[in-house]
Amino acid sequence: MIQTVQGHLLGNRHLQLIALLIVAIATIAAAFSYPGSIPSLLINGLLAALLVRSVLNNRSSFFSFFLLAFLILGCWAKLVLHFILDTQFIEPIGLFDHSPQGWDSAMLALNTAFATLLVC
């Protein structure tokens, strides 16, 4: 029984490490073509890593798991893949002009949302 629990915890630690490395590497790769302020993108990567860690550690609530998982996939993953693969967003985005200032404003809103979720 103790070996099973220790093996499970060790496996979870390895999964967390792999997930955090993926977030770090993808965020750094996206930074090469991000037009805005690089620190705001790196902060977003740090917050996304903390959200990933929270998802992998908190198994008590399906609501928080799915909420955070969808936000990570729908916000962070989509954002970094946009810059890594040089894709275009297909959603209607209003007056967003893809300028560095526009990206910084979007990152400020996203970082605020991620930080608020982490506090909650």
PDB file of N, CA and C in Angstrom:
ATOM      1  N   MET A   1       0.831  -1.197   0.000  1.00  0.00           N
ATOM      2  CA  MET A   1       0.000   0.000   0.000  1.00  0.00           C
ATOM      3  C   MET A   1       0.870   1.253   0.000  1.00  0.00           C
ATOM      4  N   ILE A   2       1.888   1.290   0.859  1.00  0.00           N
ATOM      5  CA  ILE A   2       2.748   2.472   0.943  1.00  0.00           C
ATOM      6  C   ILE A   2       3.524   2.653  -0.360  1.00  0.00           C
ATOM      7  N   GLN A   3       3.998   1.560  -0.961  1.00  0.00           N
ATOM      8  CA  GLN A   3       4.718   1.674  -2.225  1.00  0.00           C
ATOM      9  C   GLN A   3       3.811   2.216  -3.326  1.00  0.00           C
ATOM     10  N   THR A   4       2.545   1.796  -3.335  1.00  0.00           N
ATOM     11  CA  THR A   4       1.603   2.287  -4.334  1.00  0.00           C
ATOM     12  C   THR A   4       1.388   3.783  -4.179  1.00  0.00           C
ATOM     13  N   VAL A   5       1.216   4.251  -2.968  1.00  0.00           N
ATOM     14  CA  VAL A   5       1.018   5.675  -2.722  1.00  0.00           C
ATOM     15  C   VAL A   5       2.275   6.449  -3.101  1.00  0.00           C
ATOM     16  N   GLN A   6       3.451   5.944  -2.709  1.00  0.00           N
ATOM     17  CA  GLN A   6       4.696   6.626  -3.055  1.00  0.00           C
ATOM     18  C   GLN A   6       4.904   6.629  -4.565  1.00  0.00           C
ATOM     19  N   GLY A   7       4.604   5.529  -5.241  1.00  0.00           N
ATOM     20  CA  GLY A   7       4.725   5.461  -6.696  1.00  0.00           C
ATOM     21  C   GLY A   7       3.796   6.436  -7.379  1.00  0.00           C
ATOM     22  N   HIS A   8       2.582   6.580  -6.844  1.00  0.00           N
ATOM     23  CA  HIS A   8       1.619   7.523  -7.403  1.00  0.00           C
ATOM     24  C   HIS A   8       2.116   8.958  -7.241  1.00  0.00           C
ATOM     25  N   LEU A   9       2.638   9.276  -6.051  1.00  0.00           N
ATOM     26  CA  LEU A   9       3.151  10.620  -5.811  1.00  0.00           C
ATOM     27  C   LEU A   9       4.364  10.913  -6.680  1.00  0.00           C
ATOM     28  N   LEU A  10       5.228   9.927  -6.841  1.00  0.00           N
ATOM     29  CA  LEU A  10       6.402  10.101  -7.675  1.00  0.00           C
ATOM     30  C   LEU A  10       5.990  10.302  -9.130  1.00  0.00           C
ATOM     31  N   GLY A  11       5.029   9.529  -9.596  1.00  0.00           N
ATOM     32  CA  GLY A  11       4.520   9.695 -10.958  1.00  0.00           C
ATOM     33  C   GLY A  11       3.890  11.058 -11.154  1.00  0.00           C
ATOM     34  N   ASN A  12       3.172  11.544 -10.147  1.00  0.00           N
ATOM     35  CA  ASN A  12       2.560  12.860 -10.221  1.00  0.00           C
ATOM     36  C   ASN A  12       3.628  13.943 -10.282  1.00  0.00           C
ATOM     37  N   ARG A  13       4.707  13.761  -9.535  1.00  0.00           N
ATOM     38  CA  ARG A  13       5.806  14.726  -9.567  1.00  0.00           C
ATOM     39  C   ARG A  13       6.467  14.770 -10.941  1.00  0.00           C
ATOM     40  N   HIS A  14       6.643  13.607 -11.538  1.00  0.00           N
ATOM     41  CA  HIS A  14       7.220  13.558 -12.883  1.00  0.00           C
ATOM     42  C   HIS A  14       6.291  14.216 -13.899  1.00  0.00           C
ATOM     43  N   LEU A  15       5.011  13.953 -13.782  1.00  0.00           N
ATOM     44  CA  LEU A  15       4.032  14.579 -14.672  1.00  0.00           C
ATOM     45  C   LEU A  15       4.057  16.097 -14.521  1.00  0.00           C
ATOM     46  N   GLN A  16       4.119  16.575 -13.289  1.00  0.00           N
ATOM     47  CA  GLN A  16       4.192  18.015 -13.053  1.00  0.00           C
ATOM     48  C   GLN A  16       5.450  18.612 -13.659  1.00  0.00           C
ATOM     49  N   LEU A  17       6.574  17.944 -13.477  1.00  0.00           N
ATOM     50  CA  LEU A  17       7.832  18.443 -14.017  1.00  0.00           C
ATOM     51  C   LEU A  17       7.781  18.518 -15.538  1.00  0.00           C
ATOM     52  N   ILE A  18       7.275  17.486 -16.174  1.00  0.00           N
ATOM     53  CA  ILE A  18       7.156  17.477 -17.638  1.00  0.00           C
ATOM     54  C   ILE A  18       6.226  18.587 -18.099  1.00  0.00           C
ATOM     55  N   ALA A  19       5.081  18.736 -17.440  1.00  0.00           N
ATOM     56  CA  ALA A  19       4.127  19.776 -17.816  1.00  0.00           C
ATOM     57  C   ALA A  19       4.724  21.167 -17.644  1.00  0.00           C
ATOM     58  N   LEU A  20       5.442  21.384 -16.553  1.00  0.00           N
ATOM     59  CA  LEU A  20       6.061  22.696 -16.316  1.00  0.00           C
ATOM     60  C   LEU A  20       7.167  22.976 -17.322  1.00  0.00           C
ATOM     61  N   LEU A  21       7.921  21.959 -17.708  1.00  0.00           N
ATOM     62  CA  LEU A  21       8.944  22.146 -18.744  1.00  0.00           C
ATOM     63  C   LEU A  21       8.317  22.489 -20.095  1.00  0.00           C
ATOM     64  N   ILE A  22       7.205  21.845 -20.414  1.00  0.00           N
ATOM     65  CA  ILE A  22       6.508  22.155 -21.671  1.00  0.00           C
ATOM     66  C   ILE A  22       6.036  23.605 -21.670  1.00  0.00           C
ATOM     67  N   VAL A  23       5.467  24.046 -20.552  1.00  0.00           N
ATOM     68  CA  VAL A  23       5.007  25.433 -20.464  1.00  0.00           C
ATOM     69  C   VAL A  23       6.185  26.388 -20.619  1.00  0.00           C
ATOM     70  N   ALA A  24       7.282  26.104 -19.935  1.00  0.00           N
ATOM     71  CA  ALA A  24       8.448  26.986 -20.004  1.00  0.00           C
ATOM     72  C   ALA A  24       9.033  27.039 -21.415  1.00  0.00           C
ATOM     73  N   ILE A  25       9.231  25.899 -22.028  1.00  0.00           N
ATOM     74  CA  ILE A  25       9.831  25.848 -23.363  1.00  0.00           C
ATOM     75  C   ILE A  25       8.919  26.516 -24.390  1.00  0.00           C
ATOM     76  N   ALA A  26       7.624  26.239 -24.325  1.00  0.00           N
ATOM     77  CA  ALA A  26       6.690  26.840 -25.287  1.00  0.00           C
ATOM     78  C   ALA A  26       6.602  28.357 -25.109  1.00  0.00           C
ATOM     79  N   THR A  27       6.617  28.817 -23.872  1.00  0.00           N
ATOM     80  CA  THR A  27       6.555  30.256 -23.624  1.00  0.00           C
ATOM     81  C   THR A  27       7.806  30.945 -24.157  1.00  0.00           C
ATOM     82  N   ILE A  28       8.959  30.360 -23.914  1.00  0.00           N
ATOM     83  CA  ILE A  28      10.203  30.945 -24.413  1.00  0.00           C
ATOM     84  C   ILE A  28      10.239  30.926 -25.940  1.00  0.00           C
ATOM     85  N   ALA A  29       9.767  29.835 -26.545  1.00  0.00           N
ATOM     86  CA  ALA A  29       9.724  29.760 -28.009  1.00  0.00           C
ATOM     87  C   ALA A  29       8.794  30.831 -28.584  1.00  0.00           C
ATOM     88  N   ALA A  30       7.672  31.073 -27.921  1.00  0.00           N
ATOM     89  CA  ALA A  30       6.724  32.087 -28.389  1.00  0.00           C
ATOM     90  C   ALA A  30       7.295  33.488 -28.254  1.00  0.00           C
ATOM     91  N   ALA A  31       8.188  33.685 -27.280  1.00  0.00           N
ATOM     92  CA  ALA A  31       8.759  35.011 -27.033  1.00  0.00           C
ATOM     93  C   ALA A  31       9.580  35.517 -28.215  1.00  0.00           C
ATOM     94  N   PHE A  32      10.097  34.615 -29.031  1.00  0.00           N
ATOM     95  CA  PHE A  32      10.907  35.040 -30.172  1.00  0.00           C
ATOM     96  C   PHE A  32      10.100  35.808 -31.219  1.00  0.00           C
ATOM     97  N   SER A  33       8.803  35.563 -31.306  1.00  0.00           N
ATOM     98  CA  SER A  33       8.004  36.290 -32.295  1.00  0.00           C
ATOM     99  C   SER A  33       6.880  37.118 -31.671  1.00  0.00           C
ATOM    100  N   TYR A  34       6.890  37.255 -30.353  1.00  0.00           N
ATOM    101  CA  TYR A  34       5.881  38.075 -29.681  1.00  0.00           C
ATOM    102  C   TYR A  34       6.211  39.550 -29.905  1.00  0.00           C
ATOM    103  N   PRO A  35       5.270  40.335 -30.442  1.00  0.00           N
ATOM    104  CA  PRO A  35       5.586  41.728 -30.781  1.00  0.00           C
ATOM    105  C   PRO A  35       5.556  42.691 -29.600  1.00  0.00           C
ATOM    106  N   GLY A  36       4.916  42.309 -28.522  1.00  0.00           N
ATOM    107  CA  GLY A  36       4.774  43.207 -27.379  1.00  0.00           C
ATOM    108  C   GLY A  36       5.923  43.087 -26.406  1.00  0.00           C
ATOM    109  N   SER A  37       5.659  43.472 -25.178  1.00  0.00           N
ATOM    110  CA  SER A  37       6.645  43.447 -24.114  1.00  0.00           C
ATOM    111  C   SER A  37       6.900  42.009 -23.662  1.00  0.00           C
ATOM    112  N   ILE A  38       8.138  41.557 -23.778  1.00  0.00           N
ATOM    113  CA  ILE A  38       8.502  40.182 -23.439  1.00  0.00           C
ATOM    114  C   ILE A  38       8.215  39.857 -21.965  1.00  0.00           C
ATOM    115  N   PRO A  39       8.471  40.771 -21.017  1.00  0.00           N
ATOM    116  CA  PRO A  39       8.153  40.429 -19.614  1.00  0.00           C
ATOM    117  C   PRO A  39       6.677  40.075 -19.399  1.00  0.00           C
ATOM    118  N   SER A  40       5.770  40.715 -20.115  1.00  0.00           N
ATOM    119  CA  SER A  40       4.347  40.376 -19.928  1.00  0.00           C
ATOM    120  C   SER A  40       4.057  38.969 -20.421  1.00  0.00           C
ATOM    121  N   LEU A  41       4.722  38.544 -21.502  1.00  0.00           N
ATOM    122  CA  LEU A  41       4.543  37.176 -21.986  1.00  0.00           C
ATOM    123  C   LEU A  41       5.170  36.178 -21.016  1.00  0.00           C
ATOM    124  N   LEU A  42       6.329  36.506 -20.477  1.00  0.00           N
ATOM    125  CA  LEU A  42       6.982  35.606 -19.520  1.00  0.00           C
ATOM    126  C   LEU A  42       6.182  35.491 -18.224  1.00  0.00           C
ATOM    127  N   ILE A  43       5.594  36.593 -17.784  1.00  0.00           N
ATOM    128  CA  ILE A  43       4.708  36.545 -16.612  1.00  0.00           C
ATOM    129  C   ILE A  43       3.519  35.640 -16.899  1.00  0.00           C
ATOM    130  N   ASN A  44       2.982  35.740 -18.118  1.00  0.00           N
ATOM    131  CA  ASN A  44       1.870  34.880 -18.502  1.00  0.00           C
ATOM    132  C   ASN A  44       2.289  33.415 -18.466  1.00  0.00           C
ATOM    133  N   GLY A  45       3.491  33.121 -18.933  1.00  0.00           N
ATOM    134  CA  GLY A  45       3.989  31.746 -18.879  1.00  0.00           C
ATOM    135  C   GLY A  45       4.143  31.249 -17.451  1.00  0.00           C
ATOM    136  N   LEU A  46       4.641  32.118 -16.574  1.00  0.00           N
ATOM    137  CA  LEU A  46       4.776  31.757 -15.164  1.00  0.00           C
ATOM    138  C   LEU A  46       3.406  31.485 -14.542  1.00  0.00           C
ATOM    139  N   LEU A  47       2.451  32.362 -14.808  1.00  0.00           N
ATOM    140  CA  LEU A  47       1.100  32.166 -14.272  1.00  0.00           C
ATOM    141  C   LEU A  47       0.457  30.909 -14.847  1.00  0.00           C
ATOM    142  N   ALA A  48       0.674  30.643 -16.133  1.00  0.00           N
ATOM    143  CA  ALA A  48       0.140  29.421 -16.744  1.00  0.00           C
ATOM    144  C   ALA A  48       0.765  28.190 -16.099  1.00  0.00           C
ATOM    145  N   ALA A  49       2.062  28.253 -15.803  1.00  0.00           N
ATOM    146  CA  ALA A  49       2.723  27.126 -15.135  1.00  0.00           C
ATOM    147  C   ALA A  49       2.118  26.892 -13.752  1.00  0.00           C
ATOM    148  N   LEU A  50       1.844  27.963 -13.039  1.00  0.00           N
ATOM    149  CA  LEU A  50       1.220  27.822 -11.721  1.00  0.00           C
ATOM    150  C   LEU A  50      -0.195  27.262 -11.840  1.00  0.00           C
ATOM    151  N   LEU A  51      -0.919  27.648 -12.891  1.00  0.00           N
ATOM    152  CA  LEU A  51      -2.253  27.077 -13.117  1.00  0.00           C
ATOM    153  C   LEU A  51      -2.160  25.589 -13.441  1.00  0.00           C
ATOM    154  N   VAL A  52      -1.186  25.214 -14.262  1.00  0.00           N
ATOM    155  CA  VAL A  52      -0.992  23.795 -14.589  1.00  0.00           C
ATOM    156  C   VAL A  52      -0.683  23.009 -13.318  1.00  0.00           C
ATOM    157  N   ARG A  53       0.196  23.551 -12.497  1.00  0.00           N
ATOM    158  CA  ARG A  53       0.533  22.882 -11.227  1.00  0.00           C
ATOM    159  C   ARG A  53      -0.699  22.755 -10.341  1.00  0.00           C
ATOM    160  N   SER A  54      -1.513  23.796 -10.317  1.00  0.00           N
ATOM    161  CA  SER A  54      -2.740  23.765  -9.519  1.00  0.00           C
ATOM    162  C   SER A  54      -3.705  22.701 -10.036  1.00  0.00           C
ATOM    163  N   VAL A  55      -3.822  22.597 -11.351  1.00  0.00           N
ATOM    164  CA  VAL A  55      -4.706  21.577 -11.937  1.00  0.00           C
ATOM    165  C   VAL A  55      -4.219  20.183 -11.556  1.00  0.00           C
ATOM    166  N   LEU A  56      -2.919  19.972 -11.616  1.00  0.00           N
ATOM    167  CA  LEU A  56      -2.380  18.642 -11.324  1.00  0.00           C
ATOM    168  C   LEU A  56      -2.384  18.315  -9.836  1.00  0.00           C
ATOM    169  N   ASN A  57      -2.373  19.321  -8.972  1.00  0.00           N
ATOM    170  CA  ASN A  57      -2.375  19.085  -7.525  1.00  0.00           C
ATOM    171  C   ASN A  57      -3.767  19.017  -6.931  1.00  0.00           C
ATOM    172  N   ASN A  58      -4.707  19.782  -7.458  1.00  0.00           N
ATOM    173  CA  ASN A  58      -6.042  19.863  -6.875  1.00  0.00           C
ATOM    174  C   ASN A  58      -6.963  18.861  -7.555  1.00  0.00           C
ATOM    175  N   ARG A  59      -7.195  17.777  -6.891  1.00  0.00           N
ATOM    176  CA  ARG A  59      -8.075  16.750  -7.459  1.00  0.00           C
ATOM    177  C   ARG A  59      -9.402  16.668  -6.722  1.00  0.00           C
ATOM    178  N   SER A  60      -9.702  17.683  -5.951  1.00  0.00           N
ATOM    179  CA  SER A  60     -10.918  17.624  -5.134  1.00  0.00           C
ATOM    180  C   SER A  60     -12.127  18.227  -5.832  1.00  0.00           C
ATOM    181  N   SER A  61     -11.925  18.998  -6.877  1.00  0.00           N
ATOM    182  CA  SER A  61     -13.046  19.669  -7.510  1.00  0.00           C
ATOM    183  C   SER A  61     -12.981  19.510  -9.029  1.00  0.00           C
ATOM    184  N   PHE A  62     -14.003  18.860  -9.583  1.00  0.00           N
ATOM    185  CA  PHE A  62     -14.066  18.739 -11.038  1.00  0.00           C
ATOM    186  C   PHE A  62     -14.297  20.093 -11.687  1.00  0.00           C
ATOM    187  N   PHE A  63     -15.034  20.962 -11.010  1.00  0.00           N
ATOM    188  CA  PHE A  63     -15.308  22.297 -11.551  1.00  0.00           C
ATOM    189  C   PHE A  63     -14.011  23.069 -11.762  1.00  0.00           C
ATOM    190  N   SER A  64     -13.165  23.137 -10.734  1.00  0.00           N
ATOM    191  CA  SER A  64     -11.918  23.890 -10.871  1.00  0.00           C
ATOM    192  C   SER A  64     -10.993  23.216 -11.872  1.00  0.00           C
ATOM    193  N   PHE A  65     -10.972  21.881 -11.899  1.00  0.00           N
ATOM    194  CA  PHE A  65     -10.143  21.178 -12.871  1.00  0.00           C
ATOM    195  C   PHE A  65     -10.520  21.559 -14.292  1.00  0.00           C
ATOM    196  N   PHE A  66     -11.798  21.460 -14.626  1.00  0.00           N
ATOM    197  CA  PHE A  66     -12.219  21.747 -15.993  1.00  0.00           C
ATOM    198  C   PHE A  66     -12.124  23.231 -16.323  1.00  0.00           C
ATOM    199  N   LEU A  67     -12.434  24.097 -15.374  1.00  0.00           N
ATOM    200  CA  LEU A  67     -12.314  25.536 -15.613  1.00  0.00           C
ATOM    201  C   LEU A  67     -10.871  25.907 -15.927  1.00  0.00           C
ATOM    202  N   LEU A  68      -9.946  25.473 -15.088  1.00  0.00           N
ATOM    203  CA  LEU A  68      -8.546  25.812 -15.301  1.00  0.00           C
ATOM    204  C   LEU A  68      -7.993  25.130 -16.547  1.00  0.00           C
ATOM    205  N   ALA A  69      -8.372  23.884 -16.784  1.00  0.00           N
ATOM    206  CA  ALA A  69      -7.881  23.181 -17.970  1.00  0.00           C
ATOM    207  C   ALA A  69      -8.345  23.876 -19.249  1.00  0.00           C
ATOM    208  N   PHE A  70      -9.605  24.273 -19.303  1.00  0.00           N
ATOM    209  CA  PHE A  70     -10.096  24.967 -20.499  1.00  0.00           C
ATOM    210  C   PHE A  70      -9.451  26.335 -20.658  1.00  0.00           C
ATOM    211  N   LEU A  71      -9.202  27.036 -19.566  1.00  0.00           N
ATOM    212  CA  LEU A  71      -8.532  28.336 -19.667  1.00  0.00           C
ATOM    213  C   LEU A  71      -7.084  28.179 -20.113  1.00  0.00           C
ATOM    214  N   ILE A  72      -6.413  27.165 -19.617  1.00  0.00           N
ATOM    215  CA  ILE A  72      -5.033  26.930 -20.028  1.00  0.00           C
ATOM    216  C   ILE A  72      -4.988  26.591 -21.517  1.00  0.00           C
ATOM    217  N   LEU A  73      -5.866  25.701 -21.940  1.00  0.00           N
ATOM    218  CA  LEU A  73      -5.878  25.329 -23.356  1.00  0.00           C
ATOM    219  C   LEU A  73      -6.391  26.461 -24.239  1.00  0.00           C
ATOM    220  N   GLY A  74      -7.429  27.146 -23.792  1.00  0.00           N
ATOM    221  CA  GLY A  74      -8.055  28.178 -24.604  1.00  0.00           C
ATOM    222  C   GLY A  74      -7.334  29.500 -24.622  1.00  0.00           C
ATOM    223  N   CYS A  75      -6.512  29.751 -23.615  1.00  0.00           N
ATOM    224  CA  CYS A  75      -5.803  31.040 -23.552  1.00  0.00           C
ATOM    225  C   CYS A  75      -4.306  30.857 -23.759  1.00  0.00           C
ATOM    226  N   TRP A  76      -3.650  30.208 -22.813  1.00  0.00           N
ATOM    227  CA  TRP A  76      -2.192  30.120 -22.896  1.00  0.00           C
ATOM    228  C   TRP A  76      -1.743  29.287 -24.094  1.00  0.00           C
ATOM    229  N   ALA A  77      -2.254  28.065 -24.235  1.00  0.00           N
ATOM    230  CA  ALA A  77      -1.791  27.179 -25.311  1.00  0.00           C
ATOM    231  C   ALA A  77      -2.074  27.784 -26.680  1.00  0.00           C
ATOM    232  N   LYS A  78      -3.246  28.350 -26.834  1.00  0.00           N
ATOM    233  CA  LYS A  78      -3.598  28.962 -28.115  1.00  0.00           C
ATOM    234  C   LYS A  78      -2.690  30.153 -28.406  1.00  0.00           C
ATOM    235  N   LEU A  79      -2.380  30.917 -27.381  1.00  0.00           N
ATOM    236  CA  LEU A  79      -1.523  32.092 -27.536  1.00  0.00           C
ATOM    237  C   LEU A  79      -0.115  31.693 -27.972  1.00  0.00           C
ATOM    238  N   VAL A  80       0.504  30.754 -27.262  1.00  0.00           N
ATOM    239  CA  VAL A  80       1.874  30.392 -27.617  1.00  0.00           C
ATOM    240  C   VAL A  80       1.933  29.681 -28.960  1.00  0.00           C
ATOM    241  N   LEU A  81       0.943  28.864 -29.263  1.00  0.00           N
ATOM    242  CA  LEU A  81       0.934  28.204 -30.576  1.00  0.00           C
ATOM    243  C   LEU A  81       0.753  29.214 -31.699  1.00  0.00           C
ATOM    244  N   HIS A  82       0.011  30.266 -31.437  1.00  0.00           N
ATOM    245  CA  HIS A  82      -0.155  31.333 -32.428  1.00  0.00           C
ATOM    246  C   HIS A  82       1.200  31.927 -32.808  1.00  0.00           C
ATOM    247  N   PHE A  83       2.049  32.156 -31.816  1.00  0.00           N
ATOM    248  CA  PHE A  83       3.354  32.753 -32.093  1.00  0.00           C
ATOM    249  C   PHE A  83       4.386  31.735 -32.564  1.00  0.00           C
ATOM    250  N   ILE A  84       4.332  30.522 -32.046  1.00  0.00           N
ATOM    251  CA  ILE A  84       5.302  29.497 -32.465  1.00  0.00           C
ATOM    252  C   ILE A  84       5.049  29.084 -33.910  1.00  0.00           C
ATOM    253  N   LEU A  85       3.785  28.860 -34.267  1.00  0.00           N
ATOM    254  CA  LEU A  85       3.439  28.362 -35.604  1.00  0.00           C
ATOM    255  C   LEU A  85       3.081  29.471 -36.582  1.00  0.00           C
ATOM    256  N   ASP A  86       3.083  30.727 -36.127  1.00  0.00           N
ATOM    257  CA  ASP A  86       2.740  31.877 -36.955  1.00  0.00           C
ATOM    258  C   ASP A  86       1.362  31.699 -37.615  1.00  0.00           C
ATOM    259  N   THR A  87       0.370  31.353 -36.783  1.00  0.00           N
ATOM    260  CA  THR A  87      -0.996  31.173 -37.270  1.00  0.00           C
ATOM    261  C   THR A  87      -1.793  32.450 -37.068  1.00  0.00           C
ATOM    262  N   GLN A  88      -2.965  32.493 -37.638  1.00  0.00           N
ATOM    263  CA  GLN A  88      -3.873  33.620 -37.456  1.00  0.00           C
ATOM    264  C   GLN A  88      -5.070  33.151 -36.636  1.00  0.00           C
ATOM    265  N   PHE A  89      -5.516  33.992 -35.713  1.00  0.00           N
ATOM    266  CA  PHE A  89      -6.723  33.672 -34.964  1.00  0.00           C
ATOM    267  C   PHE A  89      -7.918  33.765 -35.903  1.00  0.00           C
ATOM    268  N   ILE A  90      -8.856  32.853 -35.772  1.00  0.00           N
ATOM    269  CA  ILE A  90     -10.008  32.869 -36.655  1.00  0.00           C
ATOM    270  C   ILE A  90     -11.262  33.414 -35.984  1.00  0.00           C
ATOM    271  N   GLU A  91     -11.176  33.687 -34.695  1.00  0.00           N
ATOM    272  CA  GLU A  91     -12.330  34.219 -33.993  1.00  0.00           C
ATOM    273  C   GLU A  91     -12.513  35.697 -34.343  1.00  0.00           C
ATOM    274  N   PRO A  92     -13.767  36.171 -34.300  1.00  0.00           N
ATOM    275  CA  PRO A  92     -13.965  37.614 -34.487  1.00  0.00           C
ATOM    276  C   PRO A  92     -13.342  38.348 -33.291  1.00  0.00           C
ATOM    277  N   ILE A  93     -12.488  39.304 -33.571  1.00  0.00           N
ATOM    278  CA  ILE A  93     -11.748  39.948 -32.488  1.00  0.00           C
ATOM    279  C   ILE A  93     -11.963  41.444 -32.431  1.00  0.00           C
ATOM    280  N   GLY A  94     -12.962  41.946 -33.102  1.00  0.00           N
ATOM    281  CA  GLY A  94     -13.294  43.365 -32.997  1.00  0.00           C
ATOM    282  C   GLY A  94     -12.224  44.268 -33.569  1.00  0.00           C
ATOM    283  N   LEU A  95     -11.854  45.282 -32.813  1.00  0.00           N
ATOM    284  CA  LEU A  95     -10.916  46.284 -33.289  1.00  0.00           C
ATOM    285  C   LEU A  95      -9.467  45.970 -32.931  1.00  0.00           C
ATOM    286  N   PHE A  96      -9.175  44.775 -32.499  1.00  0.00           N
ATOM    287  CA  PHE A  96      -7.806  44.391 -32.148  1.00  0.00           C
ATOM    288  C   PHE A  96      -6.937  44.484 -33.400  1.00  0.00           C
ATOM    289  N   ASP A  97      -5.829  45.229 -33.303  1.00  0.00           N
ATOM    290  CA  ASP A  97      -5.015  45.507 -34.494  1.00  0.00           C
ATOM    291  C   ASP A  97      -3.667  44.783 -34.527  1.00  0.00           C
ATOM    292  N   HIS A  98      -3.430  43.858 -33.623  1.00  0.00           N
ATOM    293  CA  HIS A  98      -2.191  43.077 -33.554  1.00  0.00           C
ATOM    294  C   HIS A  98      -0.953  43.940 -33.330  1.00  0.00           C
ATOM    295  N   SER A  99      -1.126  45.157 -32.862  1.00  0.00           N
ATOM    296  CA  SER A  99       0.011  46.028 -32.564  1.00  0.00           C
ATOM    297  C   SER A  99       0.653  45.581 -31.247  1.00  0.00           C
ATOM    298  N   PRO A 100       1.896  45.967 -31.002  1.00  0.00           N
ATOM    299  CA  PRO A 100       2.513  45.627 -29.712  1.00  0.00           C
ATOM    300  C   PRO A 100       1.707  46.146 -28.521  1.00  0.00           C
ATOM    301  N   GLN A 101       1.137  47.340 -28.646  1.00  0.00           N
ATOM    302  CA  GLN A 101       0.320  47.889 -27.560  1.00  0.00           C
ATOM    303  C   GLN A 101      -0.958  47.069 -27.370  1.00  0.00           C
ATOM    304  N   GLY A 102      -1.548  46.623 -28.475  1.00  0.00           N
ATOM    305  CA  GLY A 102      -2.739  45.780 -28.393  1.00  0.00           C
ATOM    306  C   GLY A 102      -2.443  44.455 -27.700  1.00  0.00           C
ATOM    307  N   TRP A 103      -1.300  43.848 -28.042  1.00  0.00           N
ATOM    308  CA  TRP A 103      -0.917  42.597 -27.405  1.00  0.00           C
ATOM    309  C   TRP A 103      -0.629  42.797 -25.926  1.00  0.00           C
ATOM    310  N   ASP A 104       0.034  43.906 -25.589  1.00  0.00           N
ATOM    311  CA  ASP A 104       0.317  44.169 -24.173  1.00  0.00           C
ATOM    312  C   ASP A 104      -0.963  44.378 -23.377  1.00  0.00           C
ATOM    313  N   SER A 105      -1.939  45.043 -23.979  1.00  0.00           N
ATOM    314  CA  SER A 105      -3.234  45.228 -23.300  1.00  0.00           C
ATOM    315  C   SER A 105      -3.937  43.885 -23.093  1.00  0.00           C
ATOM    316  N   ALA A 106      -3.894  43.053 -24.116  1.00  0.00           N
ATOM    317  CA  ALA A 106      -4.512  41.731 -24.007  1.00  0.00           C
ATOM    318  C   ALA A 106      -3.797  40.884 -22.953  1.00  0.00           C
ATOM    319  N   MET A 107      -2.468  40.972 -22.917  1.00  0.00           N
ATOM    320  CA  MET A 107      -1.711  40.204 -21.932  1.00  0.00           C
ATOM    321  C   MET A 107      -1.973  40.702 -20.517  1.00  0.00           C
ATOM    322  N   LEU A 108      -2.156  42.001 -20.358  1.00  0.00           N
ATOM    323  CA  LEU A 108      -2.475  42.544 -19.038  1.00  0.00           C
ATOM    324  C   LEU A 108      -3.798  41.969 -18.538  1.00  0.00           C
ATOM    325  N   ALA A 109      -4.800  41.928 -19.408  1.00  0.00           N
ATOM    326  CA  ALA A 109      -6.100  41.369 -19.027  1.00  0.00           C
ATOM    327  C   ALA A 109      -5.979  39.877 -18.716  1.00  0.00           C
ATOM    328  N   LEU A 110      -5.249  39.152 -19.550  1.00  0.00           N
ATOM    329  CA  LEU A 110      -5.088  37.710 -19.344  1.00  0.00           C
ATOM    330  C   LEU A 110      -4.288  37.417 -18.081  1.00  0.00           C
ATOM    331  N   ASN A 111      -3.224  38.172 -17.848  1.00  0.00           N
ATOM    332  CA  ASN A 111      -2.425  37.964 -16.638  1.00  0.00           C
ATOM    333  C   ASN A 111      -3.220  38.292 -15.381  1.00  0.00           C
ATOM    334  N   THR A 112      -4.040  39.314 -15.461  1.00  0.00           N
ATOM    335  CA  THR A 112      -4.899  39.659 -14.320  1.00  0.00           C
ATOM    336  C   THR A 112      -5.888  38.530 -14.038  1.00  0.00           C
ATOM    337  N   ALA A 113      -6.469  37.971 -15.090  1.00  0.00           N
ATOM    338  CA  ALA A 113      -7.422  36.871 -14.912  1.00  0.00           C
ATOM    339  C   ALA A 113      -6.732  35.634 -14.331  1.00  0.00           C
ATOM    340  N   PHE A 114      -5.564  35.297 -14.857  1.00  0.00           N
ATOM    341  CA  PHE A 114      -4.840  34.131 -14.352  1.00  0.00           C
ATOM    342  C   PHE A 114      -4.448  34.332 -12.882  1.00  0.00           C
ATOM    343  N   ALA A 115      -3.945  35.510 -12.544  1.00  0.00           N
ATOM    344  CA  ALA A 115      -3.544  35.780 -11.163  1.00  0.00           C
ATOM    345  C   ALA A 115      -4.738  35.728 -10.220  1.00  0.00           C
ATOM    346  N   THR A 116      -5.862  36.251 -10.670  1.00  0.00           N
ATOM    347  CA  THR A 116      -7.077  36.221  -9.845  1.00  0.00           C
ATOM    348  C   THR A 116      -7.522  34.787  -9.598  1.00  0.00           C
ATOM    349  N   LEU A 117      -7.478  33.948 -10.618  1.00  0.00           N
ATOM    350  CA  LEU A 117      -7.847  32.540 -10.440  1.00  0.00           C
ATOM    351  C   LEU A 117      -6.894  31.832  -9.483  1.00  0.00           C
ATOM    352  N   LEU A 118      -5.626  32.157  -9.563  1.00  0.00           N
ATOM    353  CA  LEU A 118      -4.664  31.530  -8.650  1.00  0.00           C
ATOM    354  C   LEU A 118      -4.921  31.938  -7.209  1.00  0.00           C
ATOM    355  N   VAL A 119      -5.294  33.181  -6.991  1.00  0.00           N
ATOM    356  CA  VAL A 119      -5.597  33.660  -5.640  1.00  0.00           C
ATOM    357  C   VAL A 119      -6.844  32.947  -5.107  1.00  0.00           C
ATOM    358  N   CYS A 120      -7.822  32.775  -5.977  1.00  0.00           N
ATOM    359  CA  CYS A 120      -9.061  32.099  -5.558  1.00  0.00           C
ATOM    360  C   CYS A 120      -8.797  30.651  -5.243  1.00  0.00           C
TER     361      CYS A 120
END
